[in-house]
PDB file of all heavy atoms in Angstrom:
ATOM      1  N   TRP A   1      93.916  70.252 114.482  1.00  0.00           N
ATOM      2  CA  TRP A   1      93.711  71.159 115.607  1.00  0.00           C
ATOM      3  C   TRP A   1      92.234  71.283 115.953  1.00  0.00           C
ATOM      4  O   TRP A   1      91.894  71.695 117.052  1.00  0.00           O
ATOM      5  CB  TRP A   1      94.303  72.535 115.292  1.00  0.00           C
ATOM      6  CG  TRP A   1      95.708  72.445 114.796  1.00  0.00           C
ATOM      7  CD1 TRP A   1      96.142  72.695 113.535  1.00  0.00           C
ATOM      8  CD2 TRP A   1      96.856  72.033 115.537  1.00  0.00           C
ATOM      9  NE1 TRP A   1      97.500  72.475 113.447  1.00  0.00           N
ATOM     10  CE2 TRP A   1      97.962  72.067 114.670  1.00  0.00           C
ATOM     11  CE3 TRP A   1      97.064  71.641 116.855  1.00  0.00           C
ATOM     12  CZ2 TRP A   1      99.244  71.736 115.068  1.00  0.00           C
ATOM     13  CZ3 TRP A   1      98.341  71.311 117.252  1.00  0.00           C
ATOM     14  CH2 TRP A   1      99.416  71.361 116.372  1.00  0.00           C
ATOM     15  N   ILE A   2      91.363  70.922 115.005  1.00  0.00           N
ATOM     16  CA  ILE A   2      89.916  71.048 115.180  1.00  0.00           C
ATOM     17  C   ILE A   2      89.276  69.684 114.945  1.00  0.00           C
ATOM     18  O   ILE A   2      89.507  69.062 113.905  1.00  0.00           O
ATOM     19  CB  ILE A   2      89.300  72.043 114.161  1.00  0.00           C
ATOM     20  CG1 ILE A   2      90.080  73.342 114.093  1.00  0.00           C
ATOM     21  CG2 ILE A   2      87.826  72.256 114.457  1.00  0.00           C
ATOM     22  CD1 ILE A   2      90.026  74.183 115.328  1.00  0.00           C
ATOM     23  N   VAL A   3      88.461  69.226 115.891  1.00  0.00           N
ATOM     24  CA  VAL A   3      87.639  68.025 115.706  1.00  0.00           C
ATOM     25  C   VAL A   3      86.197  68.488 115.910  1.00  0.00           C
ATOM     26  O   VAL A   3      85.755  68.678 117.041  1.00  0.00           O
ATOM     27  CB  VAL A   3      88.021  66.903 116.698  1.00  0.00           C
ATOM     28  CG1 VAL A   3      87.119  65.697 116.498  1.00  0.00           C
ATOM     29  CG2 VAL A   3      89.488  66.518 116.547  1.00  0.00           C
ATOM     30  N   ASP A   4      85.496  68.685 114.802  1.00  0.00           N
ATOM     31  CA  ASP A   4      84.136  69.245 114.839  1.00  0.00           C
ATOM     32  C   ASP A   4      83.094  68.143 114.692  1.00  0.00           C
ATOM     33  O   ASP A   4      82.445  68.013 113.666  1.00  0.00           O
ATOM     34  CB  ASP A   4      83.988  70.291 113.727  1.00  0.00           C
ATOM     35  CG  ASP A   4      82.672  71.046 113.795  1.00  0.00           C
ATOM     36  OD1 ASP A   4      82.010  71.005 114.848  1.00  0.00           O
ATOM     37  OD2 ASP A   4      82.316  71.675 112.784  1.00  0.00           O
ATOM     38  N   GLU A   5      82.934  67.343 115.742  1.00  0.00           N
ATOM     39  CA  GLU A   5      81.958  66.253 115.732  1.00  0.00           C
ATOM     40  C   GLU A   5      80.519  66.779 115.675  1.00  0.00           C
ATOM     41  O   GLU A   5      79.638  66.115 115.162  1.00  0.00           O
ATOM     42  CB  GLU A   5      82.128  65.368 116.972  1.00  0.00           C
ATOM     43  CG  GLU A   5      83.376  64.532 116.955  1.00  0.00           C
ATOM     44  CD  GLU A   5      83.335  63.424 115.926  1.00  0.00           C
ATOM     45  OE1 GLU A   5      82.320  62.705 115.849  1.00  0.00           O
ATOM     46  OE2 GLU A   5      84.324  63.289 115.180  1.00  0.00           O
ATOM     47  N   ALA A   6      80.267  67.953 116.226  1.00  0.00           N
ATOM     48  CA  ALA A   6      78.921  68.526 116.231  1.00  0.00           C
ATOM     49  C   ALA A   6      78.576  69.185 114.899  1.00  0.00           C
ATOM     50  O   ALA A   6      77.429  69.543 114.668  1.00  0.00           O
ATOM     51  CB  ALA A   6      78.776  69.549 117.364  1.00  0.00           C
ATOM     52  N   ASP A   7      79.571  69.345 114.038  1.00  0.00           N
ATOM     53  CA  ASP A   7      79.382  69.942 112.713  1.00  0.00           C
ATOM     54  C   ASP A   7      78.745  71.330 112.821  1.00  0.00           C
ATOM     55  O   ASP A   7      77.728  71.614 112.192  1.00  0.00           O
ATOM     56  CB  ASP A   7      78.531  69.010 111.833  1.00  0.00           C
ATOM     57  CG  ASP A   7      78.673  69.349 110.358  1.00  0.00           C
ATOM     58  OD1 ASP A   7      79.724  69.875 109.973  1.00  0.00           O
ATOM     59  OD2 ASP A   7      77.719  69.100 109.597  1.00  0.00           O
ATOM     60  N   ILE A   8      79.371  72.181 113.626  1.00  0.00           N
ATOM     61  CA  ILE A   8      78.827  73.528 113.850  1.00  0.00           C
ATOM     62  C   ILE A   8      79.726  74.634 113.311  1.00  0.00           C
ATOM     63  O   ILE A   8      79.311  75.787 113.272  1.00  0.00           O
ATOM     64  CB  ILE A   8      78.560  73.778 115.352  1.00  0.00           C
ATOM     65  CG1 ILE A   8      79.824  73.563 116.173  1.00  0.00           C
ATOM     66  CG2 ILE A   8      77.404  72.935 115.845  1.00  0.00           C
ATOM     67  CD1 ILE A   8      79.691  73.890 117.645  1.00  0.00           C
ATOM     68  N   LEU A   9      80.935  74.283 112.899  1.00  0.00           N
ATOM     69  CA  LEU A   9      81.870  75.306 112.420  1.00  0.00           C
ATOM     70  C   LEU A   9      81.904  75.318 110.893  1.00  0.00           C
ATOM     71  O   LEU A   9      81.839  74.266 110.251  1.00  0.00           O
ATOM     72  CB  LEU A   9      83.276  75.046 112.960  1.00  0.00           C
ATOM     73  CG  LEU A   9      83.414  75.065 114.478  1.00  0.00           C
ATOM     74  CD1 LEU A   9      84.812  74.653 114.893  1.00  0.00           C
ATOM     75  CD2 LEU A   9      83.063  76.430 115.030  1.00  0.00           C
ATOM     76  N   SER A  10      82.029  76.503 110.338  1.00  0.00           N
ATOM     77  CA  SER A  10      82.129  76.617 108.884  1.00  0.00           C
ATOM     78  C   SER A  10      83.517  76.163 108.442  1.00  0.00           C
ATOM     79  O   SER A  10      84.465  76.154 109.228  1.00  0.00           O
ATOM     80  CB  SER A  10      81.878  78.058 108.445  1.00  0.00           C
ATOM     81  OG  SER A  10      82.959  78.886 108.832  1.00  0.00           O
ATOM     82  N   ARG A  11      83.649  75.822 107.178  1.00  0.00           N
ATOM     83  CA  ARG A  11      84.948  75.418 106.653  1.00  0.00           C
ATOM     84  C   ARG A  11      85.953  76.556 106.744  1.00  0.00           C
ATOM     85  O   ARG A  11      87.129  76.347 107.015  1.00  0.00           O
ATOM     86  CB  ARG A  11      84.817  74.978 105.198  1.00  0.00           C
ATOM     87  CG  ARG A  11      84.306  73.592 105.051  1.00  0.00           C
ATOM     88  CD  ARG A  11      84.601  73.104 103.660  1.00  0.00           C
ATOM     89  NE  ARG A  11      83.480  72.331 103.181  1.00  0.00           N
ATOM     90  CZ  ARG A  11      83.273  72.024 101.932  1.00  0.00           C
ATOM     91  NH1 ARG A  11      84.095  72.469 101.006  1.00  0.00           N
ATOM     92  NH2 ARG A  11      82.258  71.291 101.583  1.00  0.00           N
ATOM     93  N   LEU A  12      85.472  77.763 106.486  1.00  0.00           N
ATOM     94  CA  LEU A  12      86.342  78.932 106.565  1.00  0.00           C
ATOM     95  C   LEU A  12      86.904  79.093 107.979  1.00  0.00           C
ATOM     96  O   LEU A  12      88.113  79.294 108.158  1.00  0.00           O
ATOM     97  CB  LEU A  12      85.582  80.192 106.151  1.00  0.00           C
ATOM     98  CG  LEU A  12      86.359  81.500 106.210  1.00  0.00           C
ATOM     99  CD1 LEU A  12      87.523  81.466 105.223  1.00  0.00           C
ATOM    100  CD2 LEU A  12      85.446  82.675 105.918  1.00  0.00           C
ATOM    101  N   THR A  13      86.040  78.990 108.972  1.00  0.00           N
ATOM    102  CA  THR A  13      86.488  79.109 110.363  1.00  0.00           C
ATOM    103  C   THR A  13      87.456  77.990 110.711  1.00  0.00           C
ATOM    104  O   THR A  13      88.487  78.234 111.342  1.00  0.00           O
ATOM    105  CB  THR A  13      85.281  79.112 111.326  1.00  0.00           C
ATOM    106  OG1 THR A  13      84.466  80.235 111.024  1.00  0.00           O
ATOM    107  CG2 THR A  13      85.727  79.168 112.768  1.00  0.00           C
ATOM    108  N   GLU A  14      87.132  76.765 110.313  1.00  0.00           N
ATOM    109  CA  GLU A  14      88.032  75.640 110.593  1.00  0.00           C
ATOM    110  C   GLU A  14      89.400  75.876 109.974  1.00  0.00           C
ATOM    111  O   GLU A  14      90.429  75.635 110.611  1.00  0.00           O
ATOM    112  CB  GLU A  14      87.447  74.328 110.068  1.00  0.00           C
ATOM    113  CG  GLU A  14      86.420  73.726 110.975  1.00  0.00           C
ATOM    114  CD  GLU A  14      86.069  72.301 110.584  1.00  0.00           C
ATOM    115  OE1 GLU A  14      87.002  71.481 110.424  1.00  0.00           O
ATOM    116  OE2 GLU A  14      84.878  72.017 110.446  1.00  0.00           O
ATOM    117  N   GLY A  15      89.428  76.365 108.735  1.00  0.00           N
ATOM    118  CA  GLY A  15      90.698  76.637 108.067  1.00  0.00           C
ATOM    119  C   GLY A  15      91.492  77.726 108.769  1.00  0.00           C
ATOM    120  O   GLY A  15      92.698  77.579 108.995  1.00  0.00           O
ATOM    121  N   ASN A  16      90.807  78.817 109.128  1.00  0.00           N
ATOM    122  CA  ASN A  16      91.480  79.919 109.825  1.00  0.00           C
ATOM    123  C   ASN A  16      92.020  79.471 111.184  1.00  0.00           C
ATOM    124  O   ASN A  16      93.155  79.804 111.550  1.00  0.00           O
ATOM    125  CB  ASN A  16      90.537  81.108 110.010  1.00  0.00           C
ATOM    126  CG  ASN A  16      90.239  81.821 108.704  1.00  0.00           C
ATOM    127  OD1 ASN A  16      90.976  81.705 107.736  1.00  0.00           O
ATOM    128  ND2 ASN A  16      89.137  82.555 108.678  1.00  0.00           N
ATOM    129  N   LEU A  17      91.191  78.746 111.919  1.00  0.00           N
ATOM    130  CA  LEU A  17      91.627  78.271 113.235  1.00  0.00           C
ATOM    131  C   LEU A  17      92.796  77.297 113.112  1.00  0.00           C
ATOM    132  O   LEU A  17      93.756  77.366 113.888  1.00  0.00           O
ATOM    133  CB  LEU A  17      90.474  77.608 113.981  1.00  0.00           C
ATOM    134  CG  LEU A  17      89.349  78.513 114.467  1.00  0.00           C
ATOM    135  CD1 LEU A  17      88.207  77.686 115.042  1.00  0.00           C
ATOM    136  CD2 LEU A  17      89.861  79.506 115.490  1.00  0.00           C
ATOM    137  N   SER A  18      92.734  76.407 112.157  1.00  0.00           N
ATOM    138  CA  SER A  18      93.823  75.439 111.962  1.00  0.00           C
ATOM    139  C   SER A  18      95.124  76.156 111.639  1.00  0.00           C
ATOM    140  O   SER A  18      96.190  75.786 112.154  1.00  0.00           O
ATOM    141  CB  SER A  18      93.473  74.450 110.850  1.00  0.00           C
ATOM    142  OG  SER A  18      92.458  73.580 111.275  1.00  0.00           O
ATOM    143  N   ASP A  19      95.042  77.182 110.797  1.00  0.00           N
ATOM    144  CA  ASP A  19      96.251  77.956 110.466  1.00  0.00           C
ATOM    145  C   ASP A  19      96.817  78.634 111.708  1.00  0.00           C
ATOM    146  O   ASP A  19      98.016  78.571 111.977  1.00  0.00           O
ATOM    147  CB  ASP A  19      95.939  79.009 109.396  1.00  0.00           C
ATOM    148  CG  ASP A  19      95.665  78.402 108.034  1.00  0.00           C
ATOM    149  OD1 ASP A  19      95.978  77.208 107.828  1.00  0.00           O
ATOM    150  OD2 ASP A  19      95.122  79.126 107.173  1.00  0.00           O
ATOM    151  N   ARG A  20      95.951  79.281 112.480  1.00  0.00           N
ATOM    152  CA  ARG A  20      96.401  79.994 113.693  1.00  0.00           C
ATOM    153  C   ARG A  20      97.005  79.040 114.711  1.00  0.00           C
ATOM    154  O   ARG A  20      98.054  79.308 115.296  1.00  0.00           O
ATOM    155  CB  ARG A  20      95.230  80.723 114.346  1.00  0.00           C
ATOM    156  CG  ARG A  20      94.828  81.980 113.667  1.00  0.00           C
ATOM    157  CD  ARG A  20      93.855  82.704 114.574  1.00  0.00           C
ATOM    158  NE  ARG A  20      92.825  83.340 113.791  1.00  0.00           N
ATOM    159  CZ  ARG A  20      91.696  83.806 114.287  1.00  0.00           C
ATOM    160  NH1 ARG A  20      91.435  83.683 115.567  1.00  0.00           N
ATOM    161  NH2 ARG A  20      90.825  84.403 113.523  1.00  0.00           N
ATOM    162  N   LEU A  21      96.295  77.927 114.957  1.00  0.00           N
ATOM    163  CA  LEU A  21      96.759  76.980 115.966  1.00  0.00           C
ATOM    164  C   LEU A  21      98.032  76.265 115.516  1.00  0.00           C
ATOM    165  O   LEU A  21      98.904  75.960 116.336  1.00  0.00           O
ATOM    166  CB  LEU A  21      95.648  75.993 116.317  1.00  0.00           C
ATOM    167  CG  LEU A  21      94.389  76.625 116.924  1.00  0.00           C
ATOM    168  CD1 LEU A  21      93.309  75.571 117.146  1.00  0.00           C
ATOM    169  CD2 LEU A  21      94.699  77.376 118.199  1.00  0.00           C
ATOM    170  N   GLY A  22      98.149  76.012 114.221  1.00  0.00           N
ATOM    171  CA  GLY A  22      99.380  75.431 113.686  1.00  0.00           C
ATOM    172  C   GLY A  22     100.562  76.380 113.845  1.00  0.00           C
ATOM    173  O   GLY A  22     101.660  75.960 114.225  1.00  0.00           O
ATOM    174  N   ASP A  23     100.328  77.662 113.556  1.00  0.00           N
ATOM    175  CA  ASP A  23     101.385  78.669 113.742  1.00  0.00           C
ATOM    176  C   ASP A  23     101.791  78.775 115.211  1.00  0.00           C
ATOM    177  O   ASP A  23     102.975  78.883 115.523  1.00  0.00           O
ATOM    178  CB  ASP A  23     100.921  80.037 113.231  1.00  0.00           C
ATOM    179  CG  ASP A  23     100.828  80.100 111.715  1.00  0.00           C
ATOM    180  OD1 ASP A  23     101.398  79.210 111.043  1.00  0.00           O
ATOM    181  OD2 ASP A  23     100.168  81.036 111.206  1.00  0.00           O
ATOM    182  N   LEU A  24     100.802  78.745 116.096  1.00  0.00           N
ATOM    183  CA  LEU A  24     101.083  78.805 117.529  1.00  0.00           C
ATOM    184  C   LEU A  24     101.963  77.627 117.952  1.00  0.00           C
ATOM    185  O   LEU A  24     102.936  77.802 118.696  1.00  0.00           O
ATOM    186  CB  LEU A  24      99.771  78.798 118.333  1.00  0.00           C
ATOM    187  CG  LEU A  24      99.914  78.790 119.851  1.00  0.00           C
ATOM    188  CD1 LEU A  24     100.463  80.125 120.336  1.00  0.00           C
ATOM    189  CD2 LEU A  24      98.575  78.484 120.503  1.00  0.00           C
ATOM    190  N   ALA A  25     101.654  76.447 117.458  1.00  0.00           N
ATOM    191  CA  ALA A  25     102.432  75.257 117.809  1.00  0.00           C
ATOM    192  C   ALA A  25     103.867  75.378 117.296  1.00  0.00           C
ATOM    193  O   ALA A  25     104.811  75.010 117.994  1.00  0.00           O
ATOM    194  CB  ALA A  25     101.758  74.007 117.244  1.00  0.00           C
ATOM    195  N   LYS A  26     104.032  75.907 116.088  1.00  0.00           N
ATOM    196  CA  LYS A  26     105.389  76.070 115.530  1.00  0.00           C
ATOM    197  C   LYS A  26     106.194  77.102 116.306  1.00  0.00           C
ATOM    198  O   LYS A  26     107.375  76.921 116.567  1.00  0.00           O
ATOM    199  CB  LYS A  26     105.295  76.492 114.064  1.00  0.00           C
ATOM    200  CG  LYS A  26     104.922  75.386 113.131  1.00  0.00           C
ATOM    201  CD  LYS A  26     104.813  75.896 111.707  1.00  0.00           C
ATOM    202  CE  LYS A  26     104.203  74.826 110.812  1.00  0.00           C
ATOM    203  NZ  LYS A  26     103.862  75.362 109.494  1.00  0.00           N
TER     204      LYS A  26
END
């Protein structure tokens, strides 16, 4: 759900966003 080519997001944020966006898709 996240492609961070600029390397600006923390791992925690990426994990939280991936969980939220995955839940939204389901």
